[in-house]
Amino acid sequence: MKVVKFGGSSLADSEQFRKVASIVKADPDRRFVVASAPGKRFSSDVKVTDMLYRCYEMVRNHEDITEYYQQICERYNSIIRDLGLNFDITGELEYIRNAIQHHSGRDFAASRGEYLNSLILAKFLGFDFIDAESVVFFHENGLYDDEKTDEEMRKELKKHEYAVIPGFYGVMPNGTIKTFSRGGSDITGSIVARAADAELYENWTDVSGCLMADPRIVKDPLPIKTITYRELRELSYMGASVLHEDAIFPVRYAGIPINIRNTNEPDAPGTMIVASTNEYDSEHVITGIAGRKGFSVINVEKDMMNSEIGFGRKILDVLEDNDISFEHLPSGVDTMSVVVATQYLDARRERVLTSINKRVRPDSVVIEDGLALLAVVGRGMVKAKGTAARVFVALSDAGINIRMIDQGSSELNIIVGVEEHDLEKALNAIYLEFVK
């Protein structure tokens, strides 16, 4: 049995709906479908979720949403009309408009994109409809309630042979709608796959799987045939965005593989995401590379710091007191560097410096901005000699200065810090070194 999730681009209009129906009907094992809201039909188009967010903001600003909301109604009605469905959602659309106008909440407004699209898709497929608010739950503090969700989702799925479930949202204990972060339909798909004990979770989007690098930076990067959850987690953290990174966990714990597929190229095998595998691409060694800008380094120097018990803890206590998490922690005998996200440091910069000076009395403490982190990821690196050397030589030959080096104990990845303006050049240099 398979659970399939379709993204916004896969359900943007009636033509895409037909492609989705063809894919679902081609395999009777595709029993549970998770749907996103309509995405962009063309480059200058607006996603329905963004249109709903705008309606919410317009109401807050005491603006009349009647004319703008009509555009949303037409998006859905045109899909119904073009598919030739005998299906009237006028009442649903009117209820949603009234609810938004009466300040039902930002999350409620945003969630209606998935809700309406799932109603239409269920009708078109001839499947049952399961409202996510009856099977996806959050705690009072807004965190996802995995235990209650898994229990209730399992009970509900057993009642249906085939069903469509809206992605992206669930319900709070007080009955109000709560959404995941953007792209959260991936998470819903993973949750459904786990509760259904699926053999496979297919995530259909507009790309033929994961690529070894960002195609906006590296020209025509090769696709990744197989990647482990841990590798994908590393690449997602560094900016690779094919799959919402939180969508990995429910299926990872259940040992369910994920298959990233392309709705517009249904015959392409895509990328398989698995818990573990002994296979790796011996020709290229690395699985992928990704990078992200926007980091700062807090450099602390003090003679004999290595013999001062609790020195590192005191530094991290300062960050904790200021609600800042650290990304990496490279250090030497008398030096310690803490890499943090610049956006979280900016408003607390002087307070952090003052607190560090007070707590550990360093010889020097300075903050350097403009750092980009680049991750070279691959389960095959541990078996290939000289991988790190090849990375450093490639950067040197490209005239790029390395500001930081960090490697995890698993040898799954090598993290390199470079100047932000060098990130694109660095990604290309490393890719070309490993992919001739």
Protein backbone atom coordinates (compact mmCIF):
# COMPACT_ATOMS: atom_id res chain seq x y z
CA MET A 1 0.00 0.00 0.00
CA LYS A 2 1.24 3.46 -0.91
CA VAL A 3 0.49 6.95 0.36
CA VAL A 4 0.91 9.68 -2.26
CA LYS A 5 1.25 13.41 -1.75
CA PHE A 6 0.88 15.97 -4.54
CA GLY A 7 2.33 19.46 -4.25
CA GLY A 8 0.80 22.74 -5.31
CA SER A 9 2.29 22.73 -8.80
CA SER A 10 0.82 19.25 -9.32
CA LEU A 11 -2.68 20.53 -8.51
CA ALA A 12 -2.55 24.06 -9.93
CA ASP A 13 -5.26 23.64 -12.57
CA SER A 14 -7.55 21.12 -14.28
CA GLU A 15 -4.80 19.83 -16.59
CA GLN A 16 -2.63 18.99 -13.59
CA PHE A 17 -5.63 17.37 -11.86
CA ARG A 18 -5.96 15.01 -14.81
CA LYS A 19 -2.28 14.08 -14.58
CA VAL A 20 -2.71 13.38 -10.87
CA ALA A 21 -5.79 11.24 -11.47
CA SER A 22 -3.95 9.25 -14.13
CA ILE A 23 -1.06 8.61 -11.74
CA VAL A 24 -3.31 7.58 -8.84
CA LYS A 25 -5.54 5.32 -10.95
CA ALA A 26 -2.53 3.65 -12.60
CA ASP A 27 -1.73 1.83 -9.35
CA PRO A 28 -4.50 0.46 -7.08
CA ASP A 29 -1.98 0.40 -4.22
CA ARG A 30 -2.10 4.24 -4.16
CA ARG A 31 -4.90 4.32 -1.64
CA PHE A 32 -4.44 7.52 0.38
CA VAL A 33 -3.78 10.86 -1.30
CA VAL A 34 -2.57 14.01 0.47
CA ALA A 35 -3.25 17.24 -1.44
CA SER A 36 -1.75 20.72 -1.39
CA ALA A 37 -3.44 24.00 -2.33
CA PRO A 38 -3.24 25.14 -5.97
CA GLY A 39 0.23 26.46 -6.77
CA LYS A 40 1.39 28.66 -9.60
CA ARG A 41 0.06 27.91 -13.08
CA PHE A 42 2.76 30.09 -14.67
CA SER A 43 5.75 32.06 -13.38
CA SER A 44 3.89 35.31 -12.65
CA ASP A 45 0.91 33.55 -11.06
CA VAL A 46 0.09 33.70 -7.32
CA LYS A 47 -0.31 30.63 -5.13
CA VAL A 48 -3.77 30.28 -3.59
CA THR A 49 -2.25 30.04 -0.10
CA ASP A 50 -0.62 33.45 -0.62
CA MET A 51 -3.95 34.84 -1.84
CA LEU A 52 -5.64 33.57 1.33
CA TYR A 53 -2.91 35.11 3.49
CA ARG A 54 -3.54 38.39 1.71
CA CYS A 55 -7.27 38.17 2.43
CA TYR A 56 -6.45 37.75 6.10
CA GLU A 57 -4.18 40.82 6.05
CA MET A 58 -6.77 42.86 4.17
CA VAL A 59 -9.37 42.14 6.85
CA ARG A 60 -6.89 43.16 9.55
CA ASN A 61 -6.38 46.43 7.69
CA HIS A 62 -10.17 46.92 7.43
CA GLU A 63 -10.16 46.48 3.64
CA ASP A 64 -13.00 44.94 1.66
CA ILE A 65 -11.97 41.48 0.40
CA THR A 66 -15.06 40.81 -1.75
CA GLU A 67 -13.47 41.51 -5.14
CA TYR A 68 -10.11 39.90 -4.33
CA TYR A 69 -11.71 36.82 -2.78
CA GLN A 70 -13.70 36.34 -5.96
CA GLN A 71 -10.42 35.56 -7.75
CA ILE A 72 -9.88 32.66 -5.34
CA CYS A 73 -13.42 31.43 -5.98
CA GLU A 74 -12.78 31.51 -9.72
CA ARG A 75 -9.58 29.48 -9.34
CA TYR A 76 -11.54 26.63 -7.79
CA ASN A 77 -14.65 26.99 -9.91
CA SER A 78 -12.58 26.94 -13.11
CA ILE A 79 -11.00 23.64 -12.04
CA ILE A 80 -14.43 22.15 -11.33
CA ARG A 81 -15.84 23.51 -14.58
CA ASP A 82 -12.93 22.34 -16.74
CA LEU A 83 -13.05 18.86 -15.20
CA GLY A 84 -16.76 18.63 -16.00
CA LEU A 85 -17.67 17.89 -12.39
CA ASN A 86 -21.18 18.23 -11.07
CA PHE A 87 -19.98 19.75 -7.81
CA ASP A 88 -21.10 22.98 -6.18
CA ILE A 89 -18.80 24.45 -3.51
CA THR A 90 -20.55 27.84 -3.35
CA GLY A 91 -21.61 27.23 0.23
CA GLU A 92 -18.07 26.30 1.29
CA LEU A 93 -16.62 29.39 -0.39
CA GLU A 94 -19.19 31.67 1.21
CA TYR A 95 -18.60 30.17 4.66
CA ILE A 96 -14.84 30.63 4.35
CA ARG A 97 -15.21 34.26 3.22
CA ASN A 98 -17.48 35.04 6.18
CA ALA A 99 -15.13 33.30 8.60
CA ILE A 100 -12.13 35.28 7.36
CA GLN A 101 -14.11 38.51 7.56
CA HIS A 102 -15.00 37.67 11.17
CA HIS A 103 -11.35 37.20 12.14
CA SER A 104 -11.22 33.40 12.20
CA GLY A 105 -7.42 33.50 12.27
CA ARG A 106 -4.44 33.45 9.94
CA ASP A 107 -3.98 29.68 10.08
CA PHE A 108 -7.64 29.03 9.29
CA ALA A 109 -7.46 31.29 6.24
CA ALA A 110 -4.28 29.64 4.92
CA SER A 111 -5.53 26.09 5.49
CA ARG A 112 -8.61 26.49 3.31
CA GLY A 113 -6.50 26.18 0.17
CA GLU A 114 -5.73 22.54 0.93
CA TYR A 115 -9.21 21.90 2.26
CA LEU A 116 -11.00 23.03 -0.92
CA ASN A 117 -8.53 21.40 -3.29
CA SER A 118 -8.88 18.09 -1.45
CA LEU A 119 -12.67 18.24 -1.66
CA ILE A 120 -12.45 18.68 -5.43
CA LEU A 121 -9.79 16.00 -5.86
CA ALA A 122 -11.76 13.48 -3.79
CA LYS A 123 -14.82 14.14 -5.96
CA PHE A 124 -12.79 13.78 -9.17
CA LEU A 125 -11.13 10.54 -8.06
CA GLY A 126 -14.28 9.09 -6.50
CA PHE A 127 -12.45 8.77 -3.17
CA ASP A 128 -13.66 9.49 0.36
CA PHE A 129 -12.69 12.81 1.99
CA ILE A 130 -11.06 12.89 5.44
CA ASP A 131 -10.74 16.37 6.95
CA ALA A 132 -7.28 16.83 8.47
CA GLU A 133 -8.75 18.63 11.49
CA SER A 134 -10.33 15.34 12.60
CA VAL A 135 -7.04 13.37 12.50
CA VAL A 136 -4.08 15.78 12.95
CA PHE A 137 -3.62 17.30 16.41
CA PHE A 138 -1.46 19.88 18.14
CA HIS A 139 -0.70 20.47 21.83
CA GLU A 140 -1.71 23.61 23.71
CA ASN A 141 1.78 25.04 23.11
CA GLY A 142 1.38 24.66 19.35
CA LEU A 143 3.70 21.68 18.98
CA TYR A 144 2.57 18.72 16.91
CA ASP A 145 0.96 15.91 18.96
CA ASP A 146 2.36 12.81 17.30
CA GLU A 147 0.90 10.21 19.69
CA LYS A 148 -2.72 11.36 19.49
CA THR A 149 -2.45 11.97 15.75
CA ASP A 150 -1.05 8.51 15.05
CA GLU A 151 -3.75 6.87 17.15
CA GLU A 152 -6.68 8.77 15.64
CA MET A 153 -5.29 8.68 12.10
CA ARG A 154 -4.95 4.87 12.26
CA LYS A 155 -8.55 4.49 13.45
CA GLU A 156 -9.88 6.73 10.66
CA LEU A 157 -7.85 5.24 7.81
CA LYS A 158 -9.14 1.75 8.63
CA LYS A 159 -12.65 2.99 7.76
CA HIS A 160 -11.68 3.91 4.19
CA GLU A 161 -10.30 1.91 1.29
CA TYR A 162 -9.42 5.06 -0.68
CA ALA A 163 -9.36 8.63 0.62
CA VAL A 164 -8.03 12.15 0.11
CA ILE A 165 -6.65 14.08 3.10
CA PRO A 166 -5.75 17.80 3.00
CA GLY A 167 -2.15 18.57 3.91
CA PHE A 168 -0.65 21.43 5.91
CA TYR A 169 -3.03 21.72 8.88
CA GLY A 170 -4.58 20.15 11.94
CA VAL A 171 -6.44 21.29 15.04
CA MET A 172 -5.59 22.75 18.45
CA PRO A 173 -7.20 21.40 21.69
CA ASN A 174 -9.64 24.36 21.65
CA GLY A 175 -10.84 23.47 18.16
CA THR A 176 -9.04 26.21 16.22
CA ILE A 177 -7.09 25.40 13.06
CA LYS A 178 -3.30 25.19 13.31
CA THR A 179 -0.95 24.90 10.32
CA PHE A 180 2.52 23.47 9.97
CA SER A 181 5.19 25.75 8.49
CA ARG A 182 5.07 26.42 4.74
CA GLY A 183 5.49 23.24 2.75
CA GLY A 184 3.81 21.35 5.59
CA SER A 185 1.80 19.10 3.28
CA ASP A 186 4.98 17.03 3.05
CA ILE A 187 4.68 16.47 6.80
CA THR A 188 1.03 15.44 6.55
CA GLY A 189 1.92 12.91 3.85
CA SER A 190 4.58 11.44 6.09
CA ILE A 191 2.16 11.28 9.03
CA VAL A 192 -0.45 9.46 6.92
CA ALA A 193 2.15 7.02 5.56
CA ARG A 194 3.23 6.12 9.08
CA ALA A 195 -0.32 5.66 10.37
CA ALA A 196 -1.27 3.56 7.34
CA ASP A 197 1.83 1.35 7.69
CA ALA A 198 2.52 2.10 4.05
CA GLU A 199 5.22 0.27 2.13
CA LEU A 200 6.09 3.48 0.30
CA TYR A 201 5.45 7.22 0.59
CA GLU A 202 5.43 8.85 -2.87
CA ASN A 203 5.94 12.61 -2.85
CA TRP A 204 4.99 14.03 -6.25
CA THR A 205 6.26 17.47 -7.20
CA ASP A 206 7.55 19.33 -10.28
CA VAL A 207 11.11 17.96 -10.27
CA SER A 208 12.34 14.45 -11.04
CA GLY A 209 13.76 13.79 -7.61
CA CYS A 210 16.62 15.31 -5.63
CA LEU A 211 19.56 16.80 -7.49
CA MET A 212 23.22 16.78 -6.47
CA ALA A 213 23.23 20.58 -6.32
CA ASP A 214 20.96 23.59 -6.67
CA PRO A 215 20.18 23.96 -10.41
CA ARG A 216 19.93 27.73 -9.94
CA ILE A 217 23.62 27.75 -9.08
CA VAL A 218 25.13 24.67 -10.74
CA LYS A 219 24.21 24.02 -14.38
CA ASP A 220 22.36 20.76 -15.03
CA PRO A 221 23.29 18.89 -11.83
CA LEU A 222 22.89 15.13 -11.91
CA PRO A 223 19.91 13.52 -10.16
CA ILE A 224 20.40 11.48 -7.00
CA LYS A 225 19.10 7.93 -7.43
CA THR A 226 19.22 6.90 -3.76
CA ILE A 227 19.81 8.97 -0.63
CA THR A 228 19.56 8.12 3.07
CA TYR A 229 17.41 10.04 5.54
CA ARG A 230 20.55 11.31 7.28
CA GLU A 231 22.06 12.59 4.05
CA LEU A 232 18.83 14.33 3.07
CA ARG A 233 18.58 15.89 6.52
CA GLU A 234 22.07 17.37 6.12
CA LEU A 235 21.30 18.73 2.64
CA SER A 236 17.87 20.06 3.66
CA TYR A 237 19.42 21.91 6.58
CA MET A 238 21.82 23.58 4.16
CA GLY A 239 19.06 24.76 1.86
CA ALA A 240 18.10 21.86 -0.43
CA SER A 241 14.31 22.26 -0.62
CA VAL A 242 12.75 19.34 -2.50
CA LEU A 243 11.21 17.98 0.71
CA HIS A 244 10.23 19.70 3.96
CA GLU A 245 12.94 18.55 6.40
CA ASP A 246 10.44 17.77 9.19
CA ALA A 247 8.66 15.35 6.84
CA ILE A 248 11.52 12.90 7.24
CA PHE A 249 10.92 11.96 10.86
CA PRO A 250 7.53 10.15 10.93
CA VAL A 251 8.46 7.79 8.10
CA ARG A 252 12.08 7.44 9.22
CA TYR A 253 10.97 6.05 12.57
CA ALA A 254 8.61 3.65 10.79
CA GLY A 255 11.25 2.57 8.26
CA ILE A 256 9.13 3.68 5.28
CA PRO A 257 11.06 4.80 2.18
CA ILE A 258 10.13 8.01 0.35
CA ASN A 259 10.08 8.27 -3.43
CA ILE A 260 10.35 11.81 -4.84
CA ARG A 261 8.61 11.81 -8.24
CA ASN A 262 7.71 14.29 -10.99
CA THR A 263 4.01 14.69 -11.82
CA ASN A 264 4.97 15.96 -15.28
CA GLU A 265 7.33 13.02 -15.92
CA PRO A 266 5.56 10.11 -14.23
CA ASP A 267 7.78 7.48 -15.86
CA ALA A 268 10.96 8.94 -14.35
CA PRO A 269 12.11 6.85 -11.34
CA GLY A 270 12.89 9.90 -9.21
CA THR A 271 14.87 9.65 -5.98
CA MET A 272 14.49 6.96 -3.34
CA ILE A 273 15.01 8.11 0.24
CA VAL A 274 15.82 5.16 2.48
CA ALA A 275 16.78 4.51 6.10
CA SER A 276 20.10 2.93 5.17
CA THR A 277 21.92 1.34 2.27
CA ASN A 278 25.36 -0.11 1.64
CA GLU A 279 25.28 1.07 -1.95
CA TYR A 280 26.87 4.33 -3.02
CA ASP A 281 28.01 6.01 -6.21
CA SER A 282 31.66 5.01 -6.34
CA GLU A 283 32.18 7.14 -9.44
CA HIS A 284 31.23 10.42 -7.75
CA VAL A 285 31.76 9.50 -4.04
CA ILE A 286 29.61 12.39 -2.78
CA THR A 287 25.82 12.30 -2.73
CA GLY A 288 25.24 16.04 -2.96
CA ILE A 289 26.33 19.53 -1.98
CA ALA A 290 24.33 22.46 -0.63
CA GLY A 291 25.07 25.82 0.96
CA ARG A 292 23.44 28.60 2.90
CA LYS A 293 24.33 32.21 3.67
CA GLY A 294 23.60 34.28 6.75
CA PHE A 295 25.96 33.07 9.49
CA SER A 296 28.23 34.83 11.98
CA VAL A 297 31.20 33.55 13.99
CA ILE A 298 31.85 34.48 17.61
CA ASN A 299 35.62 34.10 18.04
CA VAL A 300 36.83 33.79 21.65
CA GLU A 301 40.54 33.69 22.58
CA LYS A 302 42.04 33.06 26.01
CA ASP A 303 45.36 31.58 27.05
CA MET A 304 45.01 28.22 28.81
CA MET A 305 41.27 28.05 28.17
CA ASN A 306 41.58 24.29 27.67
CA SER A 307 42.48 23.88 31.38
CA GLU A 308 39.65 26.12 32.61
CA ILE A 309 36.84 23.76 33.60
CA GLY A 310 33.42 24.90 32.40
CA PHE A 311 34.75 27.48 29.93
CA GLY A 312 32.76 26.18 26.95
CA ARG A 313 29.63 25.69 29.03
CA LYS A 314 29.73 29.31 30.16
CA ILE A 315 29.92 30.51 26.53
CA LEU A 316 26.95 28.34 25.55
CA ASP A 317 25.04 29.49 28.64
CA VAL A 318 25.30 33.06 27.33
CA LEU A 319 23.75 31.97 24.02
CA GLU A 320 21.02 30.02 25.81
CA ASP A 321 20.20 33.04 27.98
CA ASN A 322 19.70 35.02 24.76
CA ASP A 323 17.62 32.31 23.00
CA ILE A 324 20.33 31.65 20.40
CA SER A 325 21.20 28.14 19.25
CA PHE A 326 24.63 27.42 17.85
CA GLU A 327 25.25 25.77 14.48
CA HIS A 328 28.87 24.62 14.78
CA LEU A 329 31.59 24.72 17.41
CA PRO A 330 35.12 24.43 15.94
CA SER A 331 37.86 25.07 18.53
CA GLY A 332 41.57 25.02 19.29
CA VAL A 333 43.68 24.87 22.45
CA ASP A 334 43.31 28.57 23.24
CA THR A 335 40.53 29.50 20.83
CA MET A 336 36.86 28.73 20.54
CA SER A 337 34.58 29.67 17.67
CA VAL A 338 30.81 29.51 17.79
CA VAL A 339 28.87 29.71 14.52
CA VAL A 340 25.35 31.14 14.84
CA ALA A 341 22.66 32.41 12.48
CA THR A 342 23.14 36.15 12.00
CA GLN A 343 19.40 36.89 12.10
CA TYR A 344 19.14 35.61 15.69
CA LEU A 345 22.31 37.34 16.81
CA ASP A 346 21.68 40.82 15.40
CA ALA A 347 19.25 42.15 18.01
CA ARG A 348 21.34 40.74 20.90
CA ARG A 349 24.85 41.39 19.64
CA GLU A 350 26.06 43.83 22.30
CA ARG A 351 24.38 41.90 25.09
CA VAL A 352 26.11 38.67 23.99
CA LEU A 353 29.54 40.33 23.81
CA THR A 354 29.09 41.94 27.22
CA SER A 355 27.93 38.70 28.81
CA ILE A 356 30.81 36.66 27.38
CA ASN A 357 33.34 39.23 28.64
CA LYS A 358 31.75 39.14 32.08
CA ARG A 359 31.42 35.33 32.32
CA VAL A 360 34.82 34.11 31.03
CA ARG A 361 37.03 37.25 30.85
CA PRO A 362 38.61 36.33 27.49
CA ASP A 363 41.74 37.90 26.03
CA SER A 364 39.68 38.68 22.94
CA VAL A 365 36.11 38.22 21.70
CA VAL A 366 34.96 39.43 18.28
CA ILE A 367 32.06 38.70 15.97
CA GLU A 368 32.66 38.23 12.25
CA ASP A 369 29.69 38.35 9.86
CA GLY A 370 29.22 37.40 6.22
CA LEU A 371 29.84 33.67 6.56
CA ALA A 372 28.29 31.06 4.30
CA LEU A 373 28.29 27.36 5.19
CA LEU A 374 28.67 24.68 2.55
CA ALA A 375 28.01 20.98 3.18
CA VAL A 376 29.58 18.19 1.15
CA VAL A 377 27.47 15.12 1.96
CA GLY A 378 27.93 11.47 1.09
CA ARG A 379 27.76 8.06 2.77
CA GLY A 380 30.53 6.96 0.39
CA MET A 381 33.04 9.49 1.72
CA VAL A 382 34.04 7.26 4.64
CA LYS A 383 35.16 4.59 2.15
CA ALA A 384 36.99 6.93 -0.21
CA LYS A 385 40.44 8.23 0.68
CA GLY A 386 41.29 11.86 0.05
CA THR A 387 37.77 13.26 -0.17
CA ALA A 388 38.52 16.19 2.15
CA ALA A 389 41.73 16.93 0.28
CA ARG A 390 39.83 17.07 -3.01
CA VAL A 391 37.35 19.54 -1.49
CA PHE A 392 40.08 21.84 -0.20
CA VAL A 393 42.14 21.68 -3.41
CA ALA A 394 39.05 22.50 -5.50
CA LEU A 395 38.38 25.57 -3.36
CA SER A 396 42.03 26.62 -3.42
CA ASP A 397 42.24 26.30 -7.21
CA ALA A 398 39.12 28.49 -7.47
CA GLY A 399 40.80 31.16 -5.35
CA ILE A 400 38.39 30.73 -2.42
CA ASN A 401 39.53 31.31 1.15
CA ILE A 402 38.28 28.76 3.71
CA ARG A 403 37.23 30.42 6.96
CA MET A 404 36.05 27.33 8.83
CA ILE A 405 36.24 23.53 8.61
CA ASP A 406 34.05 21.13 10.56
CA GLN A 407 33.44 17.40 10.12
CA GLY A 408 31.01 15.25 12.06
CA SER A 409 32.09 12.05 13.79
CA SER A 410 30.11 9.95 11.32
CA GLU A 411 32.19 11.28 8.40
CA LEU A 412 28.92 11.69 6.53
CA ASN A 413 29.61 15.31 5.73
CA ILE A 414 32.26 18.00 5.60
CA ILE A 415 31.17 21.54 6.53
CA VAL A 416 33.19 24.40 5.07
CA GLY A 417 32.76 28.08 5.87
CA VAL A 418 33.48 30.62 3.13
CA GLU A 419 32.75 34.28 2.47
CA GLU A 420 29.13 34.78 1.42
CA HIS A 421 30.15 36.24 -1.94
CA ASP A 422 32.15 33.06 -2.66
CA LEU A 423 29.34 30.56 -2.02
CA GLU A 424 28.15 30.14 -5.62
CA LYS A 425 31.70 29.82 -6.92
CA ALA A 426 32.53 27.31 -4.18
CA LEU A 427 29.52 25.12 -4.96
CA ASN A 428 30.46 25.00 -8.63
CA ALA A 429 34.11 24.26 -7.88
CA ILE A 430 33.31 21.30 -5.65
CA TYR A 431 30.66 19.93 -7.96
CA LEU A 432 33.01 20.00 -10.93
CA GLU A 433 35.72 18.31 -8.87
CA PHE A 434 33.52 15.30 -8.13
CA VAL A 435 31.34 15.23 -11.23
CA LYS A 436 33.47 15.43 -14.35
